[in-house]
PDB file of N, CA and C in Angstrom:
ATOM      1  N   MET A   1     -27.735  16.104 -15.600  1.00  0.00           N
ATOM      2  CA  MET A   1     -28.435  15.722 -14.604  1.00  0.00           C
ATOM      3  C   MET A   1     -26.743  15.071 -13.542  1.00  0.00           C
ATOM      4  N   PRO A   2     -26.706  15.546 -11.944  1.00  0.00           N
ATOM      5  CA  PRO A   2     -25.621  14.724 -11.522  1.00  0.00           C
ATOM      6  C   PRO A   2     -26.514  14.095 -10.329  1.00  0.00           C
ATOM      7  N   THR A   3     -25.376  13.285 -10.147  1.00  0.00           N
ATOM      8  CA  THR A   3     -25.666  11.993  -9.599  1.00  0.00           C
ATOM      9  C   THR A   3     -25.923  12.128  -7.992  1.00  0.00           C
ATOM     10  N   SER A   4     -26.428  11.782  -7.656  1.00  0.00           N
ATOM     11  CA  SER A   4     -27.235  11.559  -6.502  1.00  0.00           C
ATOM     12  C   SER A   4     -26.188  10.818  -4.707  1.00  0.00           C
ATOM     13  N   PHE A   5     -25.293  11.937  -4.172  1.00  0.00           N
ATOM     14  CA  PHE A   5     -24.566  11.089  -2.929  1.00  0.00           C
ATOM     15  C   PHE A   5     -25.535   9.791  -2.589  1.00  0.00           C
ATOM     16  N   ALA A   6     -27.026   9.422  -3.060  1.00  0.00           N
ATOM     17  CA  ALA A   6     -26.914   7.753  -2.395  1.00  0.00           C
ATOM     18  C   ALA A   6     -26.636   7.197  -3.355  1.00  0.00           C
ATOM     19  N   THR A   7     -26.400   7.508  -4.746  1.00  0.00           N
ATOM     20  CA  THR A   7     -26.620   6.897  -6.022  1.00  0.00           C
ATOM     21  C   THR A   7     -25.119   6.438  -5.767  1.00  0.00           C
ATOM     22  N   VAL A   8     -23.843   7.169  -5.390  1.00  0.00           N
ATOM     23  CA  VAL A   8     -22.688   6.937  -5.682  1.00  0.00           C
ATOM     24  C   VAL A   8     -22.229   5.997  -4.602  1.00  0.00           C
ATOM     25  N   GLU A   9     -23.010   6.538  -3.121  1.00  0.00           N
ATOM     26  CA  GLU A   9     -22.549   5.717  -2.416  1.00  0.00           C
ATOM     27  C   GLU A   9     -22.974   4.309  -2.281  1.00  0.00           C
ATOM     28  N   GLN A  10     -24.391   4.028  -3.124  1.00  0.00           N
ATOM     29  CA  GLN A  10     -25.023   2.673  -3.078  1.00  0.00           C
ATOM     30  C   GLN A  10     -23.622   2.086  -4.219  1.00  0.00           C
ATOM     31  N   GLN A  11     -23.491   1.918  -5.395  1.00  0.00           N
ATOM     32  CA  GLN A  11     -22.551   1.996  -5.764  1.00  0.00           C
ATOM     33  C   GLN A  11     -21.662   1.499  -5.981  1.00  0.00           C
ATOM     34  N   ALA A  12     -20.455   2.534  -4.674  1.00  0.00           N
ATOM     35  CA  ALA A  12     -19.368   2.946  -4.372  1.00  0.00           C
ATOM     36  C   ALA A  12     -19.883   0.937  -3.093  1.00  0.00           C
ATOM     37  N   THR A  13     -20.307   0.427  -2.606  1.00  0.00           N
ATOM     38  CA  THR A  13     -20.384  -0.008  -1.537  1.00  0.00           C
ATOM     39  C   THR A  13     -20.204  -1.301  -1.985  1.00  0.00           C
ATOM     40  N   ALA A  14     -20.710  -1.496  -3.820  1.00  0.00           N
ATOM     41  CA  ALA A  14     -21.077  -2.502  -4.516  1.00  0.00           C
ATOM     42  C   ALA A  14     -19.614  -2.910  -5.075  1.00  0.00           C
ATOM     43  N   LEU A  15     -18.561  -2.461  -4.462  1.00  0.00           N
ATOM     44  CA  LEU A  15     -17.745  -2.500  -5.268  1.00  0.00           C
ATOM     45  C   LEU A  15     -17.005  -3.738  -4.045  1.00  0.00           C
ATOM     46  N   LEU A  16     -16.093  -4.080  -4.683  1.00  0.00           N
ATOM     47  CA  LEU A  16     -14.923  -4.900  -4.301  1.00  0.00           C
ATOM     48  C   LEU A  16     -14.311  -4.612  -3.435  1.00  0.00           C
ATOM     49  N   PRO A  17     -13.747  -4.954  -1.841  1.00  0.00           N
ATOM     50  CA  PRO A  17     -12.965  -4.750  -1.144  1.00  0.00           C
ATOM     51  C   PRO A  17     -11.933  -4.165  -1.823  1.00  0.00           C
ATOM     52  N   ASP A  18     -11.482  -4.267  -2.382  1.00  0.00           N
ATOM     53  CA  ASP A  18      -9.695  -3.798  -2.924  1.00  0.00           C
ATOM     54  C   ASP A  18     -10.250  -2.666  -3.605  1.00  0.00           C
ATOM     55  N   GLU A  19     -11.105  -2.748  -4.734  1.00  0.00           N
ATOM     56  CA  GLU A  19     -11.807  -1.610  -5.205  1.00  0.00           C
ATOM     57  C   GLU A  19     -12.556  -0.276  -4.566  1.00  0.00           C
ATOM     58  N   ARG A  20     -13.040  -0.729  -3.206  1.00  0.00           N
ATOM     59  CA  ARG A  20     -13.836   0.131  -2.338  1.00  0.00           C
ATOM     60  C   ARG A  20     -12.405   0.998  -2.049  1.00  0.00           C
ATOM     61  N   ALA A  21     -11.374   0.384  -1.259  1.00  0.00           N
ATOM     62  CA  ALA A  21      -9.917   1.012  -1.140  1.00  0.00           C
ATOM     63  C   ALA A  21      -8.698   1.537  -1.194  1.00  0.00           C
ATOM     64  N   ARG A  22      -9.494   0.768  -2.878  1.00  0.00           N
ATOM     65  CA  ARG A  22      -8.567   2.386  -3.489  1.00  0.00           C
ATOM     66  C   ARG A  22      -9.105   3.222  -4.330  1.00  0.00           C
ATOM     67  N   LEU A  23     -10.579   3.119  -4.249  1.00  0.00           N
ATOM     68  CA  LEU A  23     -11.727   4.359  -3.854  1.00  0.00           C
ATOM     69  C   LEU A  23     -11.457   5.445  -3.180  1.00  0.00           C
ATOM     70  N   ALA A  24     -11.078   4.577  -1.812  1.00  0.00           N
ATOM     71  CA  ALA A  24     -11.493   5.491  -0.627  1.00  0.00           C
ATOM     72  C   ALA A  24      -9.851   6.325  -0.723  1.00  0.00           C
ATOM     73  N   GLU A  25      -9.057   5.988  -1.314  1.00  0.00           N
ATOM     74  CA  GLU A  25      -7.577   6.013  -0.691  1.00  0.00           C
ATOM     75  C   GLU A  25      -7.673   7.408  -2.265  1.00  0.00           C
ATOM     76  N   ILE A  26      -8.489   6.943  -3.855  1.00  0.00           N
ATOM     77  CA  ILE A  26      -8.373   8.312  -4.488  1.00  0.00           C
ATOM     78  C   ILE A  26      -9.276   9.938  -4.152  1.00  0.00           C
ATOM     79  N   LEU A  27     -10.009   9.206  -3.083  1.00  0.00           N
ATOM     80  CA  LEU A  27     -11.077  10.434  -1.948  1.00  0.00           C
ATOM     81  C   LEU A  27     -10.817  11.145  -1.028  1.00  0.00           C
ATOM     82  N   LEU A  28      -9.449  10.683  -0.400  1.00  0.00           N
ATOM     83  CA  LEU A  28      -9.072  11.374   0.731  1.00  0.00           C
ATOM     84  C   LEU A  28      -7.987  12.083  -0.072  1.00  0.00           C
ATOM     85  N   GLU A  29      -6.862  11.422  -0.967  1.00  0.00           N
ATOM     86  CA  GLU A  29      -6.215  12.450  -1.745  1.00  0.00           C
ATOM     87  C   GLU A  29      -7.063  13.964  -2.462  1.00  0.00           C
ATOM     88  N   SER A  30      -7.687  13.661  -2.524  1.00  0.00           N
ATOM     89  CA  SER A  30      -8.227  15.062  -3.575  1.00  0.00           C
ATOM     90  C   SER A  30      -9.102  16.018  -2.159  1.00  0.00           C
ATOM     91  N   LEU A  31      -9.475  15.059  -1.037  1.00  0.00           N
ATOM     92  CA  LEU A  31      -9.195  15.918  -0.064  1.00  0.00           C
ATOM     93  C   LEU A  31      -7.810  17.020   0.802  1.00  0.00           C
ATOM     94  N   HIS A  32      -6.706  16.005   0.320  1.00  0.00           N
ATOM     95  CA  HIS A  32      -5.962  16.509   1.210  1.00  0.00           C
ATOM     96  C   HIS A  32      -4.551  16.989   0.018  1.00  0.00           C
ATOM     97  N   ASN A  33      -5.022  16.739  -1.070  1.00  0.00           N
ATOM     98  CA  ASN A  33      -3.835  16.905  -2.359  1.00  0.00           C
ATOM     99  C   ASN A  33      -2.737  16.003  -1.941  1.00  0.00           C
ATOM    100  N   ALA A  34      -2.216  15.153  -1.487  1.00  0.00           N
ATOM    101  CA  ALA A  34      -1.538  14.421  -1.466  1.00  0.00           C
ATOM    102  C   ALA A  34      -1.157  13.442  -2.631  1.00  0.00           C
ATOM    103  N   PRO A  35       0.226  12.959  -3.237  1.00  0.00           N
ATOM    104  CA  PRO A  35       0.077  12.405  -4.122  1.00  0.00           C
ATOM    105  C   PRO A  35       0.339  11.048  -4.143  1.00  0.00           C
ATOM    106  N   VAL A  36      -0.728  10.491  -3.571  1.00  0.00           N
ATOM    107  CA  VAL A  36      -1.239   9.418  -3.060  1.00  0.00           C
ATOM    108  C   VAL A  36      -0.727   8.603  -4.515  1.00  0.00           C
ATOM    109  N   LEU A  37      -0.858   7.910  -5.219  1.00  0.00           N
ATOM    110  CA  LEU A  37      -0.847   7.700  -6.581  1.00  0.00           C
ATOM    111  C   LEU A  37       0.295   7.420  -6.695  1.00  0.00           C
ATOM    112  N   GLU A  38       1.150   8.669  -6.869  1.00  0.00           N
ATOM    113  CA  GLU A  38       3.122   9.180  -7.318  1.00  0.00           C
ATOM    114  C   GLU A  38       3.632   8.190  -5.649  1.00  0.00           C
ATOM    115  N   ILE A  39       3.260   8.175  -4.962  1.00  0.00           N
ATOM    116  CA  ILE A  39       4.138   7.205  -3.930  1.00  0.00           C
ATOM    117  C   ILE A  39       3.783   5.656  -3.790  1.00  0.00           C
ATOM    118  N   GLU A  40       2.150   5.483  -4.760  1.00  0.00           N
ATOM    119  CA  GLU A  40       2.096   4.014  -4.532  1.00  0.00           C
ATOM    120  C   GLU A  40       3.476   3.674  -5.733  1.00  0.00           C
ATOM    121  N   SER A  41       3.591   4.313  -7.386  1.00  0.00           N
ATOM    122  CA  SER A  41       3.641   4.064  -7.994  1.00  0.00           C
ATOM    123  C   SER A  41       5.274   3.834  -7.336  1.00  0.00           C
ATOM    124  N   ALA A  42       5.479   4.595  -7.058  1.00  0.00           N
ATOM    125  CA  ALA A  42       7.287   4.599  -5.975  1.00  0.00           C
ATOM    126  C   ALA A  42       7.571   3.204  -5.402  1.00  0.00           C
ATOM    127  N   TRP A  43       6.637   3.106  -4.290  1.00  0.00           N
ATOM    128  CA  TRP A  43       6.683   1.609  -3.012  1.00  0.00           C
ATOM    129  C   TRP A  43       7.096   1.204  -4.581  1.00  0.00           C
ATOM    130  N   GLN A  44       5.757   0.625  -5.043  1.00  0.00           N
ATOM    131  CA  GLN A  44       5.690  -0.712  -6.704  1.00  0.00           C
ATOM    132  C   GLN A  44       6.748  -0.598  -7.132  1.00  0.00           C
ATOM    133  N   HIS A  45       7.496   0.475  -7.220  1.00  0.00           N
ATOM    134  CA  HIS A  45       8.914   0.131  -8.222  1.00  0.00           C
ATOM    135  C   HIS A  45       9.902   0.213  -7.139  1.00  0.00           C
ATOM    136  N   GLU A  46       9.893   0.318  -6.024  1.00  0.00           N
ATOM    137  CA  GLU A  46      11.344   0.041  -5.377  1.00  0.00           C
ATOM    138  C   GLU A  46      11.099  -1.509  -4.038  1.00  0.00           C
ATOM    139  N   ILE A  47       9.389  -1.862  -4.263  1.00  0.00           N
ATOM    140  CA  ILE A  47       9.340  -3.498  -4.133  1.00  0.00           C
ATOM    141  C   ILE A  47      10.092  -4.317  -5.220  1.00  0.00           C
ATOM    142  N   ALA A  48       9.700  -4.272  -6.192  1.00  0.00           N
ATOM    143  CA  ALA A  48      10.615  -4.748  -8.222  1.00  0.00           C
ATOM    144  C   ALA A  48      11.259  -4.734  -7.775  1.00  0.00           C
ATOM    145  N   GLN A  49      12.231  -3.705  -7.381  1.00  0.00           N
ATOM    146  CA  GLN A  49      13.847  -3.989  -7.332  1.00  0.00           C
ATOM    147  C   GLN A  49      14.207  -4.592  -6.208  1.00  0.00           C
ATOM    148  N   ARG A  50      13.609  -4.568  -5.008  1.00  0.00           N
ATOM    149  CA  ARG A  50      14.229  -5.324  -3.946  1.00  0.00           C
ATOM    150  C   ARG A  50      14.024  -7.268  -4.295  1.00  0.00           C
ATOM    151  N   VAL A  51      12.886  -7.255  -4.930  1.00  0.00           N
ATOM    152  CA  VAL A  51      12.302  -8.561  -4.874  1.00  0.00           C
ATOM    153  C   VAL A  51      13.447  -9.361  -6.334  1.00  0.00           C
ATOM    154  N   ALA A  52      13.751  -8.580  -7.326  1.00  0.00           N
ATOM    155  CA  ALA A  52      14.470  -8.577  -8.193  1.00  0.00           C
ATOM    156  C   ALA A  52      16.078  -9.121  -7.635  1.00  0.00           C
ATOM    157  N   ARG A  53      16.396  -8.141  -7.068  1.00  0.00           N
ATOM    158  CA  ARG A  53      18.143  -7.827  -5.871  1.00  0.00           C
ATOM    159  C   ARG A  53      17.502  -9.290  -5.136  1.00  0.00           C
ATOM    160  N   TYR A  54      17.159  -9.770  -4.717  1.00  0.00           N
ATOM    161  CA  TYR A  54      16.980 -10.725  -3.691  1.00  0.00           C
ATOM    162  C   TYR A  54      16.998 -12.305  -4.220  1.00  0.00           C
ATOM    163  N   GLU A  55      15.729 -12.075  -5.517  1.00  0.00           N
ATOM    164  CA  GLU A  55      16.331 -12.985  -6.526  1.00  0.00           C
ATOM    165  C   GLU A  55      17.709 -13.314  -7.118  1.00  0.00           C
ATOM    166  N   ARG A  56      18.508 -12.468  -7.504  1.00  0.00           N
ATOM    167  CA  ARG A  56      19.350 -12.120  -7.944  1.00  0.00           C
ATOM    168  C   ARG A  56      20.317 -12.677  -6.747  1.00  0.00           C
ATOM    169  N   GLY A  57      20.316 -12.578  -5.679  1.00  0.00           N
ATOM    170  CA  GLY A  57      21.035 -13.324  -4.334  1.00  0.00           C
ATOM    171  C   GLY A  57      22.149 -12.160  -4.294  1.00  0.00           C
ATOM    172  N   GLU A  58      21.705 -10.796  -4.266  1.00  0.00           N
ATOM    173  CA  GLU A  58      22.458  -9.567  -4.164  1.00  0.00           C
ATOM    174  C   GLU A  58      22.129  -8.904  -2.285  1.00  0.00           C
ATOM    175  N   LEU A  59      21.423  -9.560  -2.109  1.00  0.00           N
ATOM    176  CA  LEU A  59      20.361  -8.961  -0.584  1.00  0.00           C
ATOM    177  C   LEU A  59      20.880  -9.922   0.088  1.00  0.00           C
ATOM    178  N   GLU A  60      22.249  -9.564   1.248  1.00  0.00           N
ATOM    179  CA  GLU A  60      22.040 -10.101   3.017  1.00  0.00           C
ATOM    180  C   GLU A  60      20.779 -10.157   3.277  1.00  0.00           C
ATOM    181  N   THR A  61      20.551 -11.870   3.814  1.00  0.00           N
ATOM    182  CA  THR A  61      18.756 -12.047   4.354  1.00  0.00           C
ATOM    183  C   THR A  61      19.461 -12.757   5.338  1.00  0.00           C
ATOM    184  N   PHE A  62      18.639 -12.475   6.755  1.00  0.00           N
ATOM    185  CA  PHE A  62      18.887 -13.323   7.663  1.00  0.00           C
ATOM    186  C   PHE A  62      17.515 -13.919   8.418  1.00  0.00           C
ATOM    187  N   PRO A  63      17.782 -15.088   8.815  1.00  0.00           N
ATOM    188  CA  PRO A  63      16.476 -15.815   9.574  1.00  0.00           C
ATOM    189  C   PRO A  63      16.218 -14.767  10.362  1.00  0.00           C
ATOM    190  N   ALA A  64      14.449 -14.588  10.196  1.00  0.00           N
ATOM    191  CA  ALA A  64      13.478 -14.761  11.005  1.00  0.00           C
ATOM    192  C   ALA A  64      13.742 -14.956  12.598  1.00  0.00           C
ATOM    193  N   GLU A  65      14.326 -15.419  13.235  1.00  0.00           N
ATOM    194  CA  GLU A  65      14.613 -15.589  14.151  1.00  0.00           C
ATOM    195  C   GLU A  65      15.874 -14.968  14.602  1.00  0.00           C
ATOM    196  N   GLN A  66      16.419 -14.793  14.137  1.00  0.00           N
ATOM    197  CA  GLN A  66      17.796 -13.803  14.247  1.00  0.00           C
ATOM    198  C   GLN A  66      17.097 -12.244  14.775  1.00  0.00           C
ATOM    199  N   VAL A  67      15.827 -12.135  13.582  1.00  0.00           N
ATOM    200  CA  VAL A  67      15.289 -10.862  13.217  1.00  0.00           C
ATOM    201  C   VAL A  67      14.970 -10.465  14.350  1.00  0.00           C
ATOM    202  N   PHE A  68      14.135 -11.579  14.960  1.00  0.00           N
ATOM    203  CA  PHE A  68      12.714 -11.403  16.135  1.00  0.00           C
ATOM    204  C   PHE A  68      14.141 -11.124  17.210  1.00  0.00           C
ATOM    205  N   ALA A  69      14.742 -11.962  17.629  1.00  0.00           N
ATOM    206  CA  ALA A  69      15.952 -11.552  19.003  1.00  0.00           C
ATOM    207  C   ALA A  69      16.004 -10.314  18.923  1.00  0.00           C
ATOM    208  N   GLU A  70      17.092 -10.029  17.826  1.00  0.00           N
ATOM    209  CA  GLU A  70      17.230  -8.744  17.753  1.00  0.00           C
ATOM    210  C   GLU A  70      16.132  -7.919  17.932  1.00  0.00           C
ATOM    211  N   ALA A  71      15.553  -7.739  17.512  1.00  0.00           N
ATOM    212  CA  ALA A  71      14.142  -6.524  17.821  1.00  0.00           C
ATOM    213  C   ALA A  71      14.039  -6.613  19.688  1.00  0.00           C
ATOM    214  N   LYS A  72      13.653  -8.295  19.825  1.00  0.00           N
ATOM    215  CA  LYS A  72      13.737  -8.040  20.953  1.00  0.00           C
ATOM    216  C   LYS A  72      14.337  -7.875  22.064  1.00  0.00           C
ATOM    217  N   ARG A  73      15.653  -7.704  21.472  1.00  0.00           N
ATOM    218  CA  ARG A  73      17.063  -7.256  22.518  1.00  0.00           C
ATOM    219  C   ARG A  73      16.927  -5.829  22.669  1.00  0.00           C
ATOM    220  N   ILE A  74      16.797  -4.977  21.321  1.00  0.00           N
ATOM    221  CA  ILE A  74      16.971  -3.783  21.822  1.00  0.00           C
ATOM    222  C   ILE A  74      15.530  -2.966  21.783  1.00  0.00           C
ATOM    223  N   THR A  75      14.666  -4.048  22.015  1.00  0.00           N
ATOM    224  CA  THR A  75      13.092  -2.589  22.447  1.00  0.00           C
ATOM    225  C   THR A  75      13.283  -3.260  24.285  1.00  0.00           C
ATOM    226  N   ARG A  76      14.102  -3.593  24.978  1.00  0.00           N
ATOM    227  CA  ARG A  76      13.842  -3.972  26.580  1.00  0.00           C
ATOM    228  C   ARG A  76      14.038  -2.792  26.624  1.00  0.00           C
TER     229      ARG A  76
END
């Protein structure tokens, strides 16, 4: 027997916020055929690589004040 929309809606709204967000991504992906999971996986991989490079001291870093000052300078 097929599950009714009302039942699915009730179950979905009972999920934790993170779970609802994930469900929304999956549903949107199914509508638009966008590879959300692949993109998300690629970003997770990229984030892990960047964090590892930072922790090994391989990245040049800048103080936040300097970054904000430069952003303000170039947006004027």
